[in-house]
């Protein structure tokens, strides 16, 4: 797995799944006994116009994509979240029996956030 395959997998298995889960939960709250708030949110969502539902769905997807983009920025070292990380080496590696692949290293530009942005847009 290289960087592009990793980012594509994050998009496919995390971002798309999360947005689908959020929207499906709005349509039909999960669990044996959904909370009163979850039921109320679902009722409000179902009463929205088609255009308003589309906007709500877009906000859910955009929020997830923005969060993951920011996470990749931190991994790439282009966004700082605290002094410890800024002054340390942050590496993401994939280790198999035969090799170690560095997917990201904040001391060397990895471009994961650019890859994510190109895949998610």
PDB file of N, CA and C in Angstrom:
ATOM      1  N   UNK A   1       0.856  -1.183   0.000  1.00  0.00           N
ATOM      2  CA  UNK A   1       0.000   0.000   0.000  1.00  0.00           C
ATOM      3  C   UNK A   1       0.890   1.230   0.000  1.00  0.00           C
ATOM      4  N   UNK A   2       0.645   2.119  -0.947  1.00  0.00           N
ATOM      5  CA  UNK A   2       1.387   3.377  -0.978  1.00  0.00           C
ATOM      6  C   UNK A   2       0.513   4.498  -0.423  1.00  0.00           C
ATOM      7  N   UNK A   3       1.036   5.715  -0.465  1.00  0.00           N
ATOM      8  CA  UNK A   3       0.307   6.855   0.097  1.00  0.00           C
ATOM      9  C   UNK A   3      -1.057   7.042  -0.554  1.00  0.00           C
ATOM     10  N   UNK A   4      -1.106   6.978  -1.867  1.00  0.00           N
ATOM     11  CA  UNK A   4      -2.373   7.197  -2.558  1.00  0.00           C
ATOM     12  C   UNK A   4      -3.393   6.124  -2.210  1.00  0.00           C
ATOM     13  N   UNK A   5      -2.973   4.881  -2.143  1.00  0.00           N
ATOM     14  CA  UNK A   5      -3.887   3.794  -1.774  1.00  0.00           C
ATOM     15  C   UNK A   5      -4.386   3.972  -0.342  1.00  0.00           C
ATOM     16  N   UNK A   6      -3.505   4.422   0.542  1.00  0.00           N
ATOM     17  CA  UNK A   6      -3.898   4.660   1.928  1.00  0.00           C
ATOM     18  C   UNK A   6      -4.957   5.758   2.012  1.00  0.00           C
ATOM     19  N   UNK A   7      -4.715   6.868   1.345  1.00  0.00           N
ATOM     20  CA  UNK A   7      -5.652   7.985   1.384  1.00  0.00           C
ATOM     21  C   UNK A   7      -6.978   7.583   0.740  1.00  0.00           C
ATOM     22  N   UNK A   8      -6.923   6.862  -0.362  1.00  0.00           N
ATOM     23  CA  UNK A   8      -8.154   6.384  -1.003  1.00  0.00           C
ATOM     24  C   UNK A   8      -8.944   5.474  -0.059  1.00  0.00           C
ATOM     25  N   UNK A   9      -8.244   4.611   0.678  1.00  0.00           N
ATOM     26  CA  UNK A   9      -8.915   3.713   1.632  1.00  0.00           C
ATOM     27  C   UNK A   9      -9.552   4.503   2.762  1.00  0.00           C
ATOM     28  N   UNK A  10      -8.866   5.517   3.269  1.00  0.00           N
ATOM     29  CA  UNK A  10      -9.435   6.364   4.321  1.00  0.00           C
ATOM     30  C   UNK A  10     -10.700   7.036   3.804  1.00  0.00           C
ATOM     31  N   UNK A  11     -10.644   7.540   2.583  1.00  0.00           N
ATOM     32  CA  UNK A  11     -11.821   8.192   2.015  1.00  0.00           C
ATOM     33  C   UNK A  11     -12.967   7.196   1.849  1.00  0.00           C
ATOM     34  N   UNK A  12     -12.667   6.065   1.260  1.00  0.00           N
ATOM     35  CA  UNK A  12     -13.714   5.074   0.968  1.00  0.00           C
ATOM     36  C   UNK A  12     -14.293   4.450   2.233  1.00  0.00           C
ATOM     37  N   UNK A  13     -13.442   4.013   3.141  1.00  0.00           N
ATOM     38  CA  UNK A  13     -13.908   3.235   4.288  1.00  0.00           C
ATOM     39  C   UNK A  13     -14.196   4.056   5.542  1.00  0.00           C
ATOM     40  N   UNK A  14     -13.742   5.302   5.566  1.00  0.00           N
ATOM     41  CA  UNK A  14     -14.020   6.143   6.737  1.00  0.00           C
ATOM     42  C   UNK A  14     -14.933   7.307   6.360  1.00  0.00           C
ATOM     43  N   UNK A  15     -14.503   8.151   5.425  1.00  0.00           N
ATOM     44  CA  UNK A  15     -15.286   9.352   5.105  1.00  0.00           C
ATOM     45  C   UNK A  15     -16.638   9.015   4.499  1.00  0.00           C
ATOM     46  N   UNK A  16     -16.649   8.218   3.452  1.00  0.00           N
ATOM     47  CA  UNK A  16     -17.926   7.895   2.807  1.00  0.00           C
ATOM     48  C   UNK A  16     -18.836   7.122   3.742  1.00  0.00           C
ATOM     49  N   UNK A  17     -18.261   6.194   4.489  1.00  0.00           N
ATOM     50  CA  UNK A  17     -19.065   5.398   5.422  1.00  0.00           C
ATOM     51  C   UNK A  17     -19.637   6.281   6.530  1.00  0.00           C
ATOM     52  N   UNK A  18     -18.820   7.191   7.045  1.00  0.00           N
ATOM     53  CA  UNK A  18     -19.286   8.072   8.123  1.00  0.00           C
ATOM     54  C   UNK A  18     -20.420   8.961   7.640  1.00  0.00           C
ATOM     55  N   UNK A  19     -20.284   9.531   6.452  1.00  0.00           N
ATOM     56  CA  UNK A  19     -21.357  10.410   5.974  1.00  0.00           C
ATOM     57  C   UNK A  19     -22.629   9.623   5.716  1.00  0.00           C
ATOM     58  N   UNK A  20     -22.505   8.414   5.174  1.00  0.00           N
ATOM     59  CA  UNK A  20     -23.674   7.555   4.977  1.00  0.00           C
ATOM     60  C   UNK A  20     -24.321   7.218   6.311  1.00  0.00           C
ATOM     61  N   UNK A  21     -23.498   6.878   7.305  1.00  0.00           N
ATOM     62  CA  UNK A  21     -24.022   6.532   8.630  1.00  0.00           C
ATOM     63  C   UNK A  21     -24.757   7.709   9.275  1.00  0.00           C
ATOM     64  N   UNK A  22     -24.186   8.913   9.166  1.00  0.00           N
ATOM     65  CA  UNK A  22     -24.819  10.091   9.760  1.00  0.00           C
ATOM     66  C   UNK A  22     -26.177  10.346   9.114  1.00  0.00           C
ATOM     67  N   UNK A  23     -26.204  10.296   7.791  1.00  0.00           N
ATOM     68  CA  UNK A  23     -27.450  10.579   7.074  1.00  0.00           C
ATOM     69  C   UNK A  23     -28.487   9.491   7.351  1.00  0.00           C
ATOM     70  N   UNK A  24     -28.072   8.237   7.360  1.00  0.00           N
ATOM     71  CA  UNK A  24     -29.009   7.148   7.647  1.00  0.00           C
ATOM     72  C   UNK A  24     -29.553   7.241   9.073  1.00  0.00           C
ATOM     73  N   UNK A  25     -28.713   7.664  10.010  1.00  0.00           N
ATOM     74  CA  UNK A  25     -29.162   7.825  11.391  1.00  0.00           C
ATOM     75  C   UNK A  25     -30.150   8.977  11.507  1.00  0.00           C
ATOM     76  N   UNK A  26     -29.954  10.008  10.691  1.00  0.00           N
ATOM     77  CA  UNK A  26     -30.944  11.096  10.677  1.00  0.00           C
ATOM     78  C   UNK A  26     -32.288  10.589  10.165  1.00  0.00           C
ATOM     79  N   UNK A  27     -32.241   9.732   9.159  1.00  0.00           N
ATOM     80  CA  UNK A  27     -33.478   9.202   8.589  1.00  0.00           C
ATOM     81  C   UNK A  27     -34.162   8.227   9.541  1.00  0.00           C
ATOM     82  N   UNK A  28     -33.366   7.385  10.179  1.00  0.00           N
ATOM     83  CA  UNK A  28     -33.924   6.364  11.076  1.00  0.00           C
ATOM     84  C   UNK A  28     -32.942   6.134  12.225  1.00  0.00           C
ATOM     85  N   UNK A  29     -33.224   6.686  13.381  1.00  0.00           N
ATOM     86  CA  UNK A  29     -32.317   6.520  14.527  1.00  0.00           C
ATOM     87  C   UNK A  29     -32.071   5.036  14.831  1.00  0.00           C
ATOM     88  N   UNK A  30     -30.842   4.741  15.216  1.00  0.00           N
ATOM     89  CA  UNK A  30     -30.456   3.354  15.468  1.00  0.00           C
ATOM     90  C   UNK A  30     -30.629   2.980  16.935  1.00  0.00           C
ATOM     91  N   UNK A  31     -30.658   1.699  17.153  1.00  0.00           N
ATOM     92  CA  UNK A  31     -30.747   1.179  18.516  1.00  0.00           C
ATOM     93  C   UNK A  31     -32.145   0.714  18.860  1.00  0.00           C
ATOM     94  N   UNK A  32     -32.207  -0.076  19.911  1.00  0.00           N
ATOM     95  CA  UNK A  32     -33.511  -0.579  20.371  1.00  0.00           C
ATOM     96  C   UNK A  32     -34.404   0.528  20.882  1.00  0.00           C
ATOM     97  N   UNK A  33     -33.791   1.455  21.598  1.00  0.00           N
ATOM     98  CA  UNK A  33     -34.535   2.588  22.146  1.00  0.00           C
ATOM     99  C   UNK A  33     -33.774   3.880  21.851  1.00  0.00           C
ATOM    100  N   UNK A  34     -33.955   4.421  20.654  1.00  0.00           N
ATOM    101  CA  UNK A  34     -33.254   5.676  20.336  1.00  0.00           C
ATOM    102  C   UNK A  34     -33.642   6.773  21.326  1.00  0.00           C
ATOM    103  N   UNK A  35     -32.713   7.662  21.571  1.00  0.00           N
ATOM    104  CA  UNK A  35     -32.996   8.761  22.497  1.00  0.00           C
ATOM    105  C   UNK A  35     -34.091   9.663  21.933  1.00  0.00           C
ATOM    106  N   UNK A  36     -34.718  10.376  22.818  1.00  0.00           N
ATOM    107  CA  UNK A  36     -35.758  11.320  22.417  1.00  0.00           C
ATOM    108  C   UNK A  36     -35.192  12.360  21.453  1.00  0.00           C
ATOM    109  N   UNK A  37     -33.961  12.801  21.726  1.00  0.00           N
ATOM    110  CA  UNK A  37     -33.323  13.790  20.865  1.00  0.00           C
ATOM    111  C   UNK A  37     -33.084  13.234  19.472  1.00  0.00           C
ATOM    112  N   UNK A  38     -32.656  11.972  19.374  1.00  0.00           N
ATOM    113  CA  UNK A  38     -32.414  11.348  18.072  1.00  0.00           C
ATOM    114  C   UNK A  38     -33.718  11.241  17.282  1.00  0.00           C
ATOM    115  N   UNK A  39     -34.777  10.898  17.949  1.00  0.00           N
ATOM    116  CA  UNK A  39     -36.090  10.805  17.289  1.00  0.00           C
ATOM    117  C   UNK A  39     -36.540  12.183  16.827  1.00  0.00           C
ATOM    118  N   UNK A  40     -36.345  13.199  17.652  1.00  0.00           N
ATOM    119  CA  UNK A  40     -36.732  14.560  17.281  1.00  0.00           C
ATOM    120  C   UNK A  40     -35.915  15.058  16.086  1.00  0.00           C
ATOM    121  N   UNK A  41     -34.609  14.776  16.076  1.00  0.00           N
ATOM    122  CA  UNK A  41     -33.772  15.166  14.932  1.00  0.00           C
ATOM    123  C   UNK A  41     -34.258  14.478  13.666  1.00  0.00           C
ATOM    124  N   UNK A  42     -34.602  13.204  13.783  1.00  0.00           N
ATOM    125  CA  UNK A  42     -35.086  12.453  12.632  1.00  0.00           C
ATOM    126  C   UNK A  42     -36.391  13.045  12.103  1.00  0.00           C
ATOM    127  N   UNK A  43     -37.291  13.369  12.998  1.00  0.00           N
ATOM    128  CA  UNK A  43     -38.566  13.959  12.584  1.00  0.00           C
ATOM    129  C   UNK A  43     -38.352  15.301  11.887  1.00  0.00           C
ATOM    130  N   UNK A  44     -37.456  16.106  12.432  1.00  0.00           N
ATOM    131  CA  UNK A  44     -37.171  17.405  11.816  1.00  0.00           C
ATOM    132  C   UNK A  44     -36.537  17.217  10.446  1.00  0.00           C
ATOM    133  N   UNK A  45     -35.612  16.260  10.330  1.00  0.00           N
ATOM    134  CA  UNK A  45     -34.965  15.985   9.048  1.00  0.00           C
ATOM    135  C   UNK A  45     -36.005  15.538   8.018  1.00  0.00           C
ATOM    136  N   UNK A  46     -36.875  14.640   8.405  1.00  0.00           N
ATOM    137  CA  UNK A  46     -37.890  14.121   7.472  1.00  0.00           C
ATOM    138  C   UNK A  46     -38.874  15.200   7.040  1.00  0.00           C
ATOM    139  N   UNK A  47     -39.049  16.244   7.846  1.00  0.00           N
ATOM    140  CA  UNK A  47     -39.957  17.333   7.497  1.00  0.00           C
ATOM    141  C   UNK A  47     -39.309  18.417   6.630  1.00  0.00           C
ATOM    142  N   UNK A  48     -38.017  18.287   6.379  1.00  0.00           N
ATOM    143  CA  UNK A  48     -37.321  19.262   5.538  1.00  0.00           C
ATOM    144  C   UNK A  48     -37.726  19.085   4.078  1.00  0.00           C
ATOM    145  N   UNK A  49     -37.603  20.154   3.325  1.00  0.00           N
ATOM    146  CA  UNK A  49     -37.822  20.063   1.873  1.00  0.00           C
ATOM    147  C   UNK A  49     -36.673  19.268   1.256  1.00  0.00           C
ATOM    148  N   UNK A  50     -36.854  18.850   0.038  1.00  0.00           N
ATOM    149  CA  UNK A  50     -35.788  18.107  -0.649  1.00  0.00           C
ATOM    150  C   UNK A  50     -34.499  18.897  -0.731  1.00  0.00           C
ATOM    151  N   UNK A  51     -34.608  20.187  -1.032  1.00  0.00           N
ATOM    152  CA  UNK A  51     -33.430  21.045  -1.120  1.00  0.00           C
ATOM    153  C   UNK A  51     -32.750  21.197   0.241  1.00  0.00           C
ATOM    154  N   UNK A  52     -33.528  21.331   1.292  1.00  0.00           N
ATOM    155  CA  UNK A  52     -32.963  21.461   2.639  1.00  0.00           C
ATOM    156  C   UNK A  52     -32.280  20.158   3.073  1.00  0.00           C
ATOM    157  N   UNK A  53     -32.868  19.010   2.699  1.00  0.00           N
ATOM    158  CA  UNK A  53     -32.225  17.724   3.008  1.00  0.00           C
ATOM    159  C   UNK A  53     -30.889  17.610   2.285  1.00  0.00           C
ATOM    160  N   UNK A  54     -30.853  18.036   1.028  1.00  0.00           N
ATOM    161  CA  UNK A  54     -29.598  18.002   0.267  1.00  0.00           C
ATOM    162  C   UNK A  54     -28.535  18.850   0.942  1.00  0.00           C
ATOM    163  N   UNK A  55     -28.928  20.018   1.429  1.00  0.00           N
ATOM    164  CA  UNK A  55     -27.980  20.897   2.114  1.00  0.00           C
ATOM    165  C   UNK A  55     -27.494  20.255   3.409  1.00  0.00           C
ATOM    166  N   UNK A  56     -28.391  19.648   4.138  1.00  0.00           N
ATOM    167  CA  UNK A  56     -28.038  18.964   5.383  1.00  0.00           C
ATOM    168  C   UNK A  56     -27.058  17.818   5.097  1.00  0.00           C
ATOM    169  N   UNK A  57     -27.336  17.049   4.062  1.00  0.00           N
ATOM    170  CA  UNK A  57     -26.442  15.941   3.670  1.00  0.00           C
ATOM    171  C   UNK A  57     -25.077  16.472   3.276  1.00  0.00           C
ATOM    172  N   UNK A  58     -25.059  17.586   2.538  1.00  0.00           N
ATOM    173  CA  UNK A  58     -23.788  18.190   2.126  1.00  0.00           C
ATOM    174  C   UNK A  58     -22.993  18.644   3.344  1.00  0.00           C
ATOM    175  N   UNK A  59     -23.662  19.247   4.314  1.00  0.00           N
ATOM    176  CA  UNK A  59     -22.972  19.714   5.530  1.00  0.00           C
ATOM    177  C   UNK A  59     -22.337  18.524   6.254  1.00  0.00           C
ATOM    178  N   UNK A  60     -23.047  17.409   6.350  1.00  0.00           N
ATOM    179  CA  UNK A  60     -22.490  16.218   7.006  1.00  0.00           C
ATOM    180  C   UNK A  60     -21.237  15.742   6.269  1.00  0.00           C
ATOM    181  N   UNK A  61     -21.322  15.629   4.959  1.00  0.00           N
ATOM    182  CA  UNK A  61     -20.178  15.165   4.160  1.00  0.00           C
ATOM    183  C   UNK A  61     -19.017  16.145   4.233  1.00  0.00           C
ATOM    184  N   UNK A  62     -19.313  17.422   4.107  1.00  0.00           N
ATOM    185  CA  UNK A  62     -18.262  18.446   4.129  1.00  0.00           C
ATOM    186  C   UNK A  62     -17.567  18.495   5.488  1.00  0.00           C
ATOM    187  N   UNK A  63     -18.302  18.313   6.567  1.00  0.00           N
ATOM    188  CA  UNK A  63     -17.708  18.309   7.912  1.00  0.00           C
ATOM    189  C   UNK A  63     -16.714  17.171   8.063  1.00  0.00           C
ATOM    190  N   UNK A  64     -17.095  16.004   7.600  1.00  0.00           N
ATOM    191  CA  UNK A  64     -16.213  14.833   7.689  1.00  0.00           C
ATOM    192  C   UNK A  64     -14.973  15.053   6.835  1.00  0.00           C
ATOM    193  N   UNK A  65     -15.155  15.538   5.612  1.00  0.00           N
ATOM    194  CA  UNK A  65     -14.011  15.780   4.733  1.00  0.00           C
ATOM    195  C   UNK A  65     -13.081  16.850   5.288  1.00  0.00           C
ATOM    196  N   UNK A  66     -13.639  17.885   5.873  1.00  0.00           N
ATOM    197  CA  UNK A  66     -12.822  18.949   6.453  1.00  0.00           C
ATOM    198  C   UNK A  66     -12.008  18.423   7.638  1.00  0.00           C
ATOM    199  N   UNK A  67     -12.627  17.609   8.464  1.00  0.00           N
ATOM    200  CA  UNK A  67     -11.917  17.038   9.620  1.00  0.00           C
ATOM    201  C   UNK A  67     -10.774  16.128   9.168  1.00  0.00           C
ATOM    202  N   UNK A  68     -11.039  15.264   8.202  1.00  0.00           N
ATOM    203  CA  UNK A  68      -9.986  14.360   7.724  1.00  0.00           C
ATOM    204  C   UNK A  68      -8.884  15.119   6.997  1.00  0.00           C
ATOM    205  N   UNK A  69      -9.247  16.134   6.229  1.00  0.00           N
ATOM    206  CA  UNK A  69      -8.242  16.973   5.577  1.00  0.00           C
ATOM    207  C   UNK A  69      -7.326  17.593   6.634  1.00  0.00           C
ATOM    208  N   UNK A  70      -7.902  18.123   7.695  1.00  0.00           N
ATOM    209  CA  UNK A  70      -7.109  18.711   8.779  1.00  0.00           C
ATOM    210  C   UNK A  70      -6.199  17.695   9.447  1.00  0.00           C
ATOM    211  N   UNK A  71      -6.703  16.471   9.639  1.00  0.00           N
ATOM    212  CA  UNK A  71      -5.884  15.414  10.223  1.00  0.00           C
ATOM    213  C   UNK A  71      -4.683  15.100   9.330  1.00  0.00           C
ATOM    214  N   UNK A  72      -4.923  15.027   8.022  1.00  0.00           N
ATOM    215  CA  UNK A  72      -3.812  14.778   7.100  1.00  0.00           C
ATOM    216  C   UNK A  72      -2.828  15.947   7.090  1.00  0.00           C
ATOM    217  N   UNK A  73      -3.324  17.172   7.268  1.00  0.00           N
ATOM    218  CA  UNK A  73      -2.433  18.332   7.384  1.00  0.00           C
ATOM    219  C   UNK A  73      -1.501  18.187   8.585  1.00  0.00           C
ATOM    220  N   UNK A  74      -2.031  17.701   9.697  1.00  0.00           N
ATOM    221  CA  UNK A  74      -1.205  17.478  10.885  1.00  0.00           C
ATOM    222  C   UNK A  74      -0.163  16.402  10.595  1.00  0.00           C
ATOM    223  N   UNK A  75      -0.580  15.301   9.974  1.00  0.00           N
ATOM    224  CA  UNK A  75       0.376  14.244   9.643  1.00  0.00           C
ATOM    225  C   UNK A  75       1.480  14.755   8.717  1.00  0.00           C
ATOM    226  N   UNK A  76       1.113  15.641   7.790  1.00  0.00           N
ATOM    227  CA  UNK A  76       2.084  16.196   6.842  1.00  0.00           C
ATOM    228  C   UNK A  76       2.970  17.277   7.454  1.00  0.00           C
ATOM    229  N   UNK A  77       2.605  17.754   8.631  1.00  0.00           N
ATOM    230  CA  UNK A  77       3.400  18.792   9.271  1.00  0.00           C
ATOM    231  C   UNK A  77       3.092  20.199   8.792  1.00  0.00           C
ATOM    232  N   UNK A  78       1.975  20.394   8.090  1.00  0.00           N
ATOM    233  CA  UNK A  78       1.617  21.734   7.619  1.00  0.00           C
ATOM    234  C   UNK A  78       0.591  22.407   8.514  1.00  0.00           C
ATOM    235  N   UNK A  79       0.087  21.687   9.497  1.00  0.00           N
ATOM    236  CA  UNK A  79      -0.821  22.270  10.488  1.00  0.00           C
ATOM    237  C   UNK A  79      -0.335  21.826  11.861  1.00  0.00           C
ATOM    238  N   UNK A  80      -0.200  22.790  12.745  1.00  0.00           N
ATOM    239  CA  UNK A  80       0.292  22.512  14.089  1.00  0.00           C
ATOM    240  C   UNK A  80      -0.872  22.444  15.072  1.00  0.00           C
ATOM    241  N   UNK A  81      -0.871  21.409  15.916  1.00  0.00           N
ATOM    242  CA  UNK A  81      -1.907  21.353  16.943  1.00  0.00           C
ATOM    243  C   UNK A  81      -1.344  21.559  18.342  1.00  0.00           C
ATOM    244  N   UNK A  82      -0.038  21.403  18.488  1.00  0.00           N
ATOM    245  CA  UNK A  82       0.609  21.783  19.744  1.00  0.00           C
ATOM    246  C   UNK A  82       2.127  21.765  19.581  1.00  0.00           C
ATOM    247  N   UNK A  83       2.821  22.346  20.535  1.00  0.00           N
ATOM    248  CA  UNK A  83       4.272  22.490  20.438  1.00  0.00           C
ATOM    249  C   UNK A  83       4.998  21.149  20.445  1.00  0.00           C
ATOM    250  N   UNK A  84       4.468  20.177  21.163  1.00  0.00           N
ATOM    251  CA  UNK A  84       5.130  18.871  21.213  1.00  0.00           C
ATOM    252  C   UNK A  84       5.210  18.253  19.832  1.00  0.00           C
ATOM    253  N   UNK A  85       4.095  18.277  19.106  1.00  0.00           N
ATOM    254  CA  UNK A  85       4.094  17.697  17.762  1.00  0.00           C
ATOM    255  C   UNK A  85       4.940  18.544  16.816  1.00  0.00           C
ATOM    256  N   UNK A  86       4.840  19.863  16.924  1.00  0.00           N
ATOM    257  CA  UNK A  86       5.595  20.744  16.037  1.00  0.00           C
ATOM    258  C   UNK A  86       7.098  20.532  16.177  1.00  0.00           C
ATOM    259  N   UNK A  87       7.543  20.183  17.376  1.00  0.00           N
ATOM    260  CA  UNK A  87       8.971  20.017  17.633  1.00  0.00           C
ATOM    261  C   UNK A  87       9.390  18.555  17.704  1.00  0.00           C
ATOM    262  N   UNK A  88       8.575  17.681  17.173  1.00  0.00           N
ATOM    263  CA  UNK A  88       8.865  16.252  17.205  1.00  0.00           C
ATOM    264  C   UNK A  88       8.670  15.665  15.814  1.00  0.00           C
ATOM    265  N   UNK A  89       9.096  14.433  15.686  1.00  0.00           N
ATOM    266  CA  UNK A  89       8.873  13.721  14.428  1.00  0.00           C
ATOM    267  C   UNK A  89       7.606  12.888  14.577  1.00  0.00           C
ATOM    268  N   UNK A  90       6.665  13.096  13.677  1.00  0.00           N
ATOM    269  CA  UNK A  90       5.412  12.352  13.656  1.00  0.00           C
ATOM    270  C   UNK A  90       5.419  11.514  12.383  1.00  0.00           C
ATOM    271  N   UNK A  91       5.442  10.201  12.541  1.00  0.00           N
ATOM    272  CA  UNK A  91       5.513   9.313  11.386  1.00  0.00           C
ATOM    273  C   UNK A  91       4.350   8.343  11.395  1.00  0.00           C
ATOM    274  N   UNK A  92       3.852   8.075  10.208  1.00  0.00           N
ATOM    275  CA  UNK A  92       2.840   7.050  10.024  1.00  0.00           C
ATOM    276  C   UNK A  92       3.472   5.987   9.124  1.00  0.00           C
ATOM    277  N   UNK A  93       3.599   4.777   9.663  1.00  0.00           N
ATOM    278  CA  UNK A  93       4.222   3.708   8.890  1.00  0.00           C
ATOM    279  C   UNK A  93       3.281   2.514   8.779  1.00  0.00           C
ATOM    280  N   UNK A  94       3.471   1.791   7.707  1.00  0.00           N
ATOM    281  CA  UNK A  94       2.778   0.529   7.490  1.00  0.00           C
ATOM    282  C   UNK A  94       3.855  -0.543   7.489  1.00  0.00           C
ATOM    283  N   UNK A  95       3.768  -1.447   8.440  1.00  0.00           N
ATOM    284  CA  UNK A  95       4.777  -2.493   8.550  1.00  0.00           C
ATOM    285  C   UNK A  95       4.190  -3.844   8.205  1.00  0.00           C
ATOM    286  N   UNK A  96       4.817  -4.514   7.244  1.00  0.00           N
ATOM    287  CA  UNK A  96       4.447  -5.878   6.892  1.00  0.00           C
ATOM    288  C   UNK A  96       5.609  -6.776   7.294  1.00  0.00           C
ATOM    289  N   UNK A  97       5.483  -8.059   7.047  1.00  0.00           N
ATOM    290  CA  UNK A  97       6.579  -8.973   7.376  1.00  0.00           C
ATOM    291  C   UNK A  97       7.832  -8.663   6.579  1.00  0.00           C
ATOM    292  N   UNK A  98       7.651  -8.131   5.367  1.00  0.00           N
ATOM    293  CA  UNK A  98       8.800  -7.944   4.485  1.00  0.00           C
ATOM    294  C   UNK A  98       9.279  -6.501   4.331  1.00  0.00           C
ATOM    295  N   UNK A  99       8.458  -5.521   4.746  1.00  0.00           N
ATOM    296  CA  UNK A  99       8.880  -4.144   4.535  1.00  0.00           C
ATOM    297  C   UNK A  99       8.189  -3.174   5.491  1.00  0.00           C
ATOM    298  N   UNK A 100       8.793  -2.000   5.586  1.00  0.00           N
ATOM    299  CA  UNK A 100       8.202  -0.886   6.319  1.00  0.00           C
ATOM    300  C   UNK A 100       8.038   0.255   5.332  1.00  0.00           C
ATOM    301  N   UNK A 101       6.793   0.716   5.199  1.00  0.00           N
ATOM    302  CA  UNK A 101       6.491   1.805   4.274  1.00  0.00           C
ATOM    303  C   UNK A 101       6.144   3.039   5.094  1.00  0.00           C
ATOM    304  N   UNK A 102       6.856   4.125   4.859  1.00  0.00           N
ATOM    305  CA  UNK A 102       6.545   5.392   5.533  1.00  0.00           C
ATOM    306  C   UNK A 102       5.458   6.080   4.712  1.00  0.00           C
ATOM    307  N   UNK A 103       4.266   6.176   5.293  1.00  0.00           N
ATOM    308  CA  UNK A 103       3.151   6.828   4.623  1.00  0.00           C
ATOM    309  C   UNK A 103       3.174   8.335   4.831  1.00  0.00           C
ATOM    310  N   UNK A 104       3.723   8.759   5.962  1.00  0.00           N
ATOM    311  CA  UNK A 104       3.783  10.187   6.258  1.00  0.00           C
ATOM    312  C   UNK A 104       4.889  10.443   7.262  1.00  0.00           C
ATOM    313  N   UNK A 105       5.535  11.578   7.107  1.00  0.00           N
ATOM    314  CA  UNK A 105       6.576  12.011   8.032  1.00  0.00           C
ATOM    315  C   UNK A 105       6.512  13.532   8.071  1.00  0.00           C
ATOM    316  N   UNK A 106       6.204  14.089   9.233  1.00  0.00           N
ATOM    317  CA  UNK A 106       6.001  15.539   9.297  1.00  0.00           C
ATOM    318  C   UNK A 106       7.284  16.338   9.112  1.00  0.00           C
ATOM    319  N   UNK A 107       8.436  15.675   9.051  1.00  0.00           N
ATOM    320  CA  UNK A 107       9.685  16.398   8.788  1.00  0.00           C
ATOM    321  C   UNK A 107      10.012  16.420   7.294  1.00  0.00           C
ATOM    322  N   UNK A 108       9.263  15.654   6.517  1.00  0.00           N
ATOM    323  CA  UNK A 108       9.416  15.635   5.056  1.00  0.00           C
ATOM    324  C   UNK A 108       8.011  15.754   4.467  1.00  0.00           C
ATOM    325  N   UNK A 109       7.824  16.644   3.527  1.00  0.00           N
ATOM    326  CA  UNK A 109       6.485  16.856   2.975  1.00  0.00           C
ATOM    327  C   UNK A 109       5.984  15.580   2.321  1.00  0.00           C
ATOM    328  N   UNK A 110       4.843  15.075   2.822  1.00  0.00           N
ATOM    329  CA  UNK A 110       4.268  13.840   2.300  1.00  0.00           C
ATOM    330  C   UNK A 110       3.140  14.096   1.316  1.00  0.00           C
ATOM    331  N   UNK A 111       2.418  15.185   1.495  1.00  0.00           N
ATOM    332  CA  UNK A 111       1.346  15.526   0.579  1.00  0.00           C
ATOM    333  C   UNK A 111       0.063  14.737   0.760  1.00  0.00           C
ATOM    334  N   UNK A 112      -0.112  14.104   1.934  1.00  0.00           N
ATOM    335  CA  UNK A 112      -1.342  13.343   2.157  1.00  0.00           C
ATOM    336  C   UNK A 112      -2.572  14.241   2.091  1.00  0.00           C
ATOM    337  N   UNK A 113      -2.458  15.456   2.628  1.00  0.00           N
ATOM    338  CA  UNK A 113      -3.617  16.352   2.607  1.00  0.00           C
ATOM    339  C   UNK A 113      -3.981  16.757   1.181  1.00  0.00           C
ATOM    340  N   UNK A 114      -2.988  16.933   0.319  1.00  0.00           N
ATOM    341  CA  UNK A 114      -3.272  17.247  -1.084  1.00  0.00           C
ATOM    342  C   UNK A 114      -3.937  16.055  -1.776  1.00  0.00           C
ATOM    343  N   UNK A 115      -3.434  14.853  -1.504  1.00  0.00           N
ATOM    344  CA  UNK A 115      -4.049  13.639  -2.068  1.00  0.00           C
ATOM    345  C   UNK A 115      -5.498  13.519  -1.612  1.00  0.00           C
ATOM    346  N   UNK A 116      -5.730  13.722  -0.303  1.00  0.00           N
ATOM    347  CA  UNK A 116      -7.086  13.621   0.212  1.00  0.00           C
ATOM    348  C   UNK A 116      -7.991  14.653  -0.445  1.00  0.00           C
ATOM    349  N   UNK A 117      -7.509  15.857  -0.583  1.00  0.00           N
ATOM    350  CA  UNK A 117      -8.309  16.920  -1.186  1.00  0.00           C
ATOM    351  C   UNK A 117      -8.670  16.566  -2.634  1.00  0.00           C
ATOM    352  N   UNK A 118      -7.745  15.988  -3.368  1.00  0.00           N
ATOM    353  CA  UNK A 118      -8.031  15.635  -4.763  1.00  0.00           C
ATOM    354  C   UNK A 118      -9.006  14.459  -4.864  1.00  0.00           C
ATOM    355  N   UNK A 119      -8.975  13.560  -3.906  1.00  0.00           N
ATOM    356  CA  UNK A 119      -9.867  12.392  -3.919  1.00  0.00           C
ATOM    357  C   UNK A 119     -11.268  12.760  -3.429  1.00  0.00           C
ATOM    358  N   UNK A 120     -11.348  13.606  -2.419  1.00  0.00           N
ATOM    359  CA  UNK A 120     -12.628  13.883  -1.765  1.00  0.00           C
ATOM    360  C   UNK A 120     -13.441  14.968  -2.464  1.00  0.00           C
ATOM    361  N   UNK A 121     -12.900  15.645  -3.405  1.00  0.00           N
ATOM    362  CA  UNK A 121     -13.622  16.751  -4.068  1.00  0.00           C
ATOM    363  C   UNK A 121     -14.218  16.324  -5.367  1.00  0.00           C
TER     364      UNK A 121
END
